[in-house]
Amino acid sequence: MRPLQFRYIDHMADTIVEAYGDSLEEAFENSALALVNIMFEVDQVVPNKALRVDIQENDIENLLYSWLEKILLLMLTDEYIPSEFDARVVMEKSKIFLTANVKGENMDLQRHGYHIEVKAITYHEMSIKQERDKFTIRYLVDL
């Protein structure tokens, strides 16, 4: 497994996530991985079940929010824990699209080590920045 490309910053009763990437897509992938890792032992997930995620939004912040919300819903409602992401972001006129191939497996609480529940993704503290060839995504999760 490659080194983690994210970090957590304590924020009162919540957590701020910073995820990094050499591309916008990689930063989106790492932001999702960081979210999963808050709730579960992501390195214990066997990526044996694939699915596709398609999202369309009007701007990049809403795209990030919808992406993270979809990942959260996969865990909370579908009992599916994603652990690998291959995302593509395409901007066309006034729309922005994300298509991702996601791999993971069905939830097994004994093996995946449940940590804490993420109640919600928020727009508070959300940012997407590019400095030279590096992207940084920052967002706050309500625990």
C-alpha atoms as a PDB file:
ATOM      1  CA  MET A   1       0.000   0.000   0.000  1.00  0.00           C
ATOM      2  CA  ARG A   2       1.279   3.470  -0.860  1.00  0.00           C
ATOM      3  CA  PRO A   3       1.922   6.019   1.899  1.00  0.00           C
ATOM      4  CA  LEU A   4      -1.165   7.860   3.116  1.00  0.00           C
ATOM      5  CA  GLN A   5      -1.749  11.115   1.299  1.00  0.00           C
ATOM      6  CA  PHE A   6      -3.939  12.756   3.919  1.00  0.00           C
ATOM      7  CA  ARG A   7      -3.931  13.959   7.505  1.00  0.00           C
ATOM      8  CA  TYR A   8      -6.468  14.728  10.216  1.00  0.00           C
ATOM      9  CA  ILE A   9      -6.701  17.952  12.200  1.00  0.00           C
ATOM     10  CA  ASP A  10      -8.761  17.979  15.397  1.00  0.00           C
ATOM     11  CA  HIS A  11     -11.527  20.579  15.419  1.00  0.00           C
ATOM     12  CA  MET A  12     -13.601  20.642  18.621  1.00  0.00           C
ATOM     13  CA  ALA A  13     -15.864  17.564  18.335  1.00  0.00           C
ATOM     14  CA  ASP A  14     -15.255  17.244  14.597  1.00  0.00           C
ATOM     15  CA  THR A  15     -12.336  16.462  12.318  1.00  0.00           C
ATOM     16  CA  ILE A  16     -10.797  18.418   9.462  1.00  0.00           C
ATOM     17  CA  VAL A  17      -9.371  16.297   6.668  1.00  0.00           C
ATOM     18  CA  GLU A  18      -6.550  17.429   4.406  1.00  0.00           C
ATOM     19  CA  ALA A  19      -5.954  15.242   1.374  1.00  0.00           C
ATOM     20  CA  TYR A  20      -3.213  15.690  -1.203  1.00  0.00           C
ATOM     21  CA  GLY A  21      -2.564  14.680  -4.773  1.00  0.00           C
ATOM     22  CA  ASP A  22      -0.377  15.303  -7.793  1.00  0.00           C
ATOM     23  CA  SER A  23      -3.598  15.816  -9.766  1.00  0.00           C
ATOM     24  CA  LEU A  24      -7.113  16.956  -8.921  1.00  0.00           C
ATOM     25  CA  GLU A  25      -8.309  13.381  -9.408  1.00  0.00           C
ATOM     26  CA  GLU A  26      -5.723  11.972  -7.020  1.00  0.00           C
ATOM     27  CA  ALA A  27      -6.693  14.552  -4.392  1.00  0.00           C
ATOM     28  CA  PHE A  28     -10.354  13.511  -4.797  1.00  0.00           C
ATOM     29  CA  GLU A  29      -9.359   9.842  -4.438  1.00  0.00           C
ATOM     30  CA  ASN A  30      -7.338  10.568  -1.302  1.00  0.00           C
ATOM     31  CA  SER A  31     -10.140  12.673   0.179  1.00  0.00           C
ATOM     32  CA  ALA A  32     -12.455   9.660  -0.141  1.00  0.00           C
ATOM     33  CA  LEU A  33      -9.855   7.290   1.292  1.00  0.00           C
ATOM     34  CA  ALA A  34      -9.384   9.595   4.288  1.00  0.00           C
ATOM     35  CA  LEU A  35     -13.139   9.620   4.882  1.00  0.00           C
ATOM     36  CA  VAL A  36     -13.339   5.816   4.843  1.00  0.00           C
ATOM     37  CA  ASN A  37     -10.320   5.583   7.136  1.00  0.00           C
ATOM     38  CA  ILE A  38     -12.054   7.699   9.792  1.00  0.00           C
ATOM     39  CA  MET A  39     -14.707   4.996  10.165  1.00  0.00           C
ATOM     40  CA  PHE A  40     -12.856   1.757   9.357  1.00  0.00           C
ATOM     41  CA  GLU A  41      -9.451   0.089   9.102  1.00  0.00           C
ATOM     42  CA  VAL A  42      -9.131   0.772   5.380  1.00  0.00           C
ATOM     43  CA  ASP A  43      -6.051  -1.464   5.066  1.00  0.00           C
ATOM     44  CA  GLN A  44      -8.220  -4.431   6.141  1.00  0.00           C
ATOM     45  CA  VAL A  45     -10.622  -3.982   3.207  1.00  0.00           C
ATOM     46  CA  VAL A  46     -10.207  -6.427   0.323  1.00  0.00           C
ATOM     47  CA  PRO A  47     -11.097  -4.674  -2.965  1.00  0.00           C
ATOM     48  CA  ASN A  48     -13.084  -7.573  -4.443  1.00  0.00           C
ATOM     49  CA  LYS A  49     -16.319  -5.789  -5.405  1.00  0.00           C
ATOM     50  CA  ALA A  50     -16.338  -2.978  -7.968  1.00  0.00           C
ATOM     51  CA  LEU A  51     -18.874  -0.288  -8.717  1.00  0.00           C
ATOM     52  CA  ARG A  52     -19.059   2.950 -10.662  1.00  0.00           C
ATOM     53  CA  VAL A  53     -19.924   6.394  -9.326  1.00  0.00           C
ATOM     54  CA  ASP A  54     -21.080   9.204 -11.616  1.00  0.00           C
ATOM     55  CA  ILE A  55     -21.658  12.728 -10.325  1.00  0.00           C
ATOM     56  CA  GLN A  56     -22.505  15.980 -12.103  1.00  0.00           C
ATOM     57  CA  GLU A  57     -22.432  19.404 -10.455  1.00  0.00           C
ATOM     58  CA  ASN A  58     -22.171  23.095 -11.325  1.00  0.00           C
ATOM     59  CA  ASP A  59     -18.876  23.765  -9.513  1.00  0.00           C
ATOM     60  CA  ILE A  60     -15.900  21.982  -7.985  1.00  0.00           C
ATOM     61  CA  GLU A  61     -16.905  22.471  -4.321  1.00  0.00           C
ATOM     62  CA  ASN A  62     -20.345  20.945  -4.907  1.00  0.00           C
ATOM     63  CA  LEU A  63     -18.677  18.116  -6.816  1.00  0.00           C
ATOM     64  CA  LEU A  64     -16.404  17.399  -3.850  1.00  0.00           C
ATOM     65  CA  TYR A  65     -19.334  17.521  -1.421  1.00  0.00           C
ATOM     66  CA  SER A  66     -21.429  15.164  -3.580  1.00  0.00           C
ATOM     67  CA  TRP A  67     -18.473  12.792  -4.012  1.00  0.00           C
ATOM     68  CA  LEU A  68     -17.827  12.552  -0.280  1.00  0.00           C
ATOM     69  CA  GLU A  69     -21.549  12.277   0.474  1.00  0.00           C
ATOM     70  CA  LYS A  70     -21.809   9.359  -1.981  1.00  0.00           C
ATOM     71  CA  ILE A  71     -18.870   7.574  -0.332  1.00  0.00           C
ATOM     72  CA  LEU A  72     -20.441   8.124   3.100  1.00  0.00           C
ATOM     73  CA  LEU A  73     -23.799   6.772   1.904  1.00  0.00           C
ATOM     74  CA  LEU A  74     -22.133   3.675   0.452  1.00  0.00           C
ATOM     75  CA  MET A  75     -20.852   2.912   3.946  1.00  0.00           C
ATOM     76  CA  LEU A  76     -23.900   3.915   5.982  1.00  0.00           C
ATOM     77  CA  THR A  77     -26.744   2.637   3.804  1.00  0.00           C
ATOM     78  CA  ASP A  78     -25.238   0.041   1.466  1.00  0.00           C
ATOM     79  CA  GLU A  79     -22.839  -1.418   4.066  1.00  0.00           C
ATOM     80  CA  TYR A  80     -20.090  -1.278   1.446  1.00  0.00           C
ATOM     81  CA  ILE A  81     -16.579  -0.132   2.380  1.00  0.00           C
ATOM     82  CA  PRO A  82     -14.635   1.320  -0.537  1.00  0.00           C
ATOM     83  CA  SER A  83     -10.852   1.166  -0.399  1.00  0.00           C
ATOM     84  CA  GLU A  84      -9.600   1.904  -3.929  1.00  0.00           C
ATOM     85  CA  PHE A  85     -10.612   4.765  -6.176  1.00  0.00           C
ATOM     86  CA  ASP A  86      -9.895   5.650  -9.791  1.00  0.00           C
ATOM     87  CA  ALA A  87     -11.527   9.023 -10.463  1.00  0.00           C
ATOM     88  CA  ARG A  88     -11.737  11.226 -13.533  1.00  0.00           C
ATOM     89  CA  VAL A  89     -12.886  14.840 -13.391  1.00  0.00           C
ATOM     90  CA  VAL A  90     -14.014  16.563 -16.600  1.00  0.00           C
ATOM     91  CA  MET A  91     -15.118  20.176 -16.953  1.00  0.00           C
ATOM     92  CA  GLU A  92     -17.517  21.011 -19.776  1.00  0.00           C
ATOM     93  CA  LYS A  93     -19.037  24.478 -20.176  1.00  0.00           C
ATOM     94  CA  SER A  94     -21.059  25.135 -17.015  1.00  0.00           C
ATOM     95  CA  LYS A  95     -20.922  21.564 -15.673  1.00  0.00           C
ATOM     96  CA  ILE A  96     -18.282  19.459 -14.001  1.00  0.00           C
ATOM     97  CA  PHE A  97     -18.382  15.663 -13.982  1.00  0.00           C
ATOM     98  CA  LEU A  98     -16.741  13.013 -11.826  1.00  0.00           C
ATOM     99  CA  THR A  99     -16.677   9.379 -12.899  1.00  0.00           C
ATOM    100  CA  ALA A 100     -14.999   6.901 -10.588  1.00  0.00           C
ATOM    101  CA  ASN A 101     -14.379   3.204 -10.485  1.00  0.00           C
ATOM    102  CA  VAL A 102     -14.530   2.210  -6.838  1.00  0.00           C
ATOM    103  CA  LYS A 103     -13.382  -1.095  -5.352  1.00  0.00           C
ATOM    104  CA  GLY A 104     -14.090  -2.411  -1.885  1.00  0.00           C
ATOM    105  CA  GLU A 105     -16.111  -5.045  -0.108  1.00  0.00           C
ATOM    106  CA  ASN A 106     -19.203  -5.598   1.969  1.00  0.00           C
ATOM    107  CA  MET A 107     -18.935  -4.507   5.575  1.00  0.00           C
ATOM    108  CA  ASP A 108     -17.692  -6.975   8.188  1.00  0.00           C
ATOM    109  CA  LEU A 109     -17.482  -5.096  11.485  1.00  0.00           C
ATOM    110  CA  GLN A 110     -15.315  -7.739  13.163  1.00  0.00           C
ATOM    111  CA  ARG A 111     -12.672  -7.611  10.454  1.00  0.00           C
ATOM    112  CA  HIS A 112     -12.868  -3.966   9.420  1.00  0.00           C
ATOM    113  CA  GLY A 113     -12.590  -2.463  12.913  1.00  0.00           C
ATOM    114  CA  TYR A 114     -15.287   0.178  13.248  1.00  0.00           C
ATOM    115  CA  HIS A 115     -13.828   3.404  14.710  1.00  0.00           C
ATOM    116  CA  ILE A 116     -16.423   6.165  14.849  1.00  0.00           C
ATOM    117  CA  GLU A 117     -19.447   7.223  12.847  1.00  0.00           C
ATOM    118  CA  VAL A 118     -19.239  10.172  10.506  1.00  0.00           C
ATOM    119  CA  LYS A 119     -22.599  11.920  10.793  1.00  0.00           C
ATOM    120  CA  ALA A 120     -22.184  14.314   7.883  1.00  0.00           C
ATOM    121  CA  ILE A 121     -19.908  16.007   5.401  1.00  0.00           C
ATOM    122  CA  THR A 122     -19.977  19.797   5.711  1.00  0.00           C
ATOM    123  CA  TYR A 123     -19.070  22.762   3.544  1.00  0.00           C
ATOM    124  CA  HIS A 124     -17.427  24.396   6.562  1.00  0.00           C
ATOM    125  CA  GLU A 125     -13.637  24.634   6.082  1.00  0.00           C
ATOM    126  CA  MET A 126     -14.009  23.174   2.551  1.00  0.00           C
ATOM    127  CA  SER A 127     -11.367  24.230   0.065  1.00  0.00           C
ATOM    128  CA  ILE A 128      -9.621  22.944  -3.028  1.00  0.00           C
ATOM    129  CA  LYS A 129      -6.259  24.546  -3.754  1.00  0.00           C
ATOM    130  CA  GLN A 130      -3.582  24.074  -6.345  1.00  0.00           C
ATOM    131  CA  GLU A 131      -0.002  25.141  -5.703  1.00  0.00           C
ATOM    132  CA  ARG A 132       2.346  24.344  -8.555  1.00  0.00           C
ATOM    133  CA  ASP A 133       1.799  20.650  -9.346  1.00  0.00           C
ATOM    134  CA  LYS A 134       0.126  19.743  -6.037  1.00  0.00           C
ATOM    135  CA  PHE A 135      -3.520  19.801  -5.036  1.00  0.00           C
ATOM    136  CA  THR A 136      -4.828  20.063  -1.481  1.00  0.00           C
ATOM    137  CA  ILE A 137      -8.415  19.336  -0.494  1.00  0.00           C
ATOM    138  CA  ARG A 138      -9.672  20.319   2.923  1.00  0.00           C
ATOM    139  CA  TYR A 139     -13.078  19.582   4.470  1.00  0.00           C
ATOM    140  CA  LEU A 140     -14.720  19.108   7.850  1.00  0.00           C
ATOM    141  CA  VAL A 141     -16.671  16.035   8.929  1.00  0.00           C
ATOM    142  CA  ASP A 142     -19.256  16.072  11.687  1.00  0.00           C
ATOM    143  CA  LEU A 143     -18.574  13.184  14.076  1.00  0.00           C
END
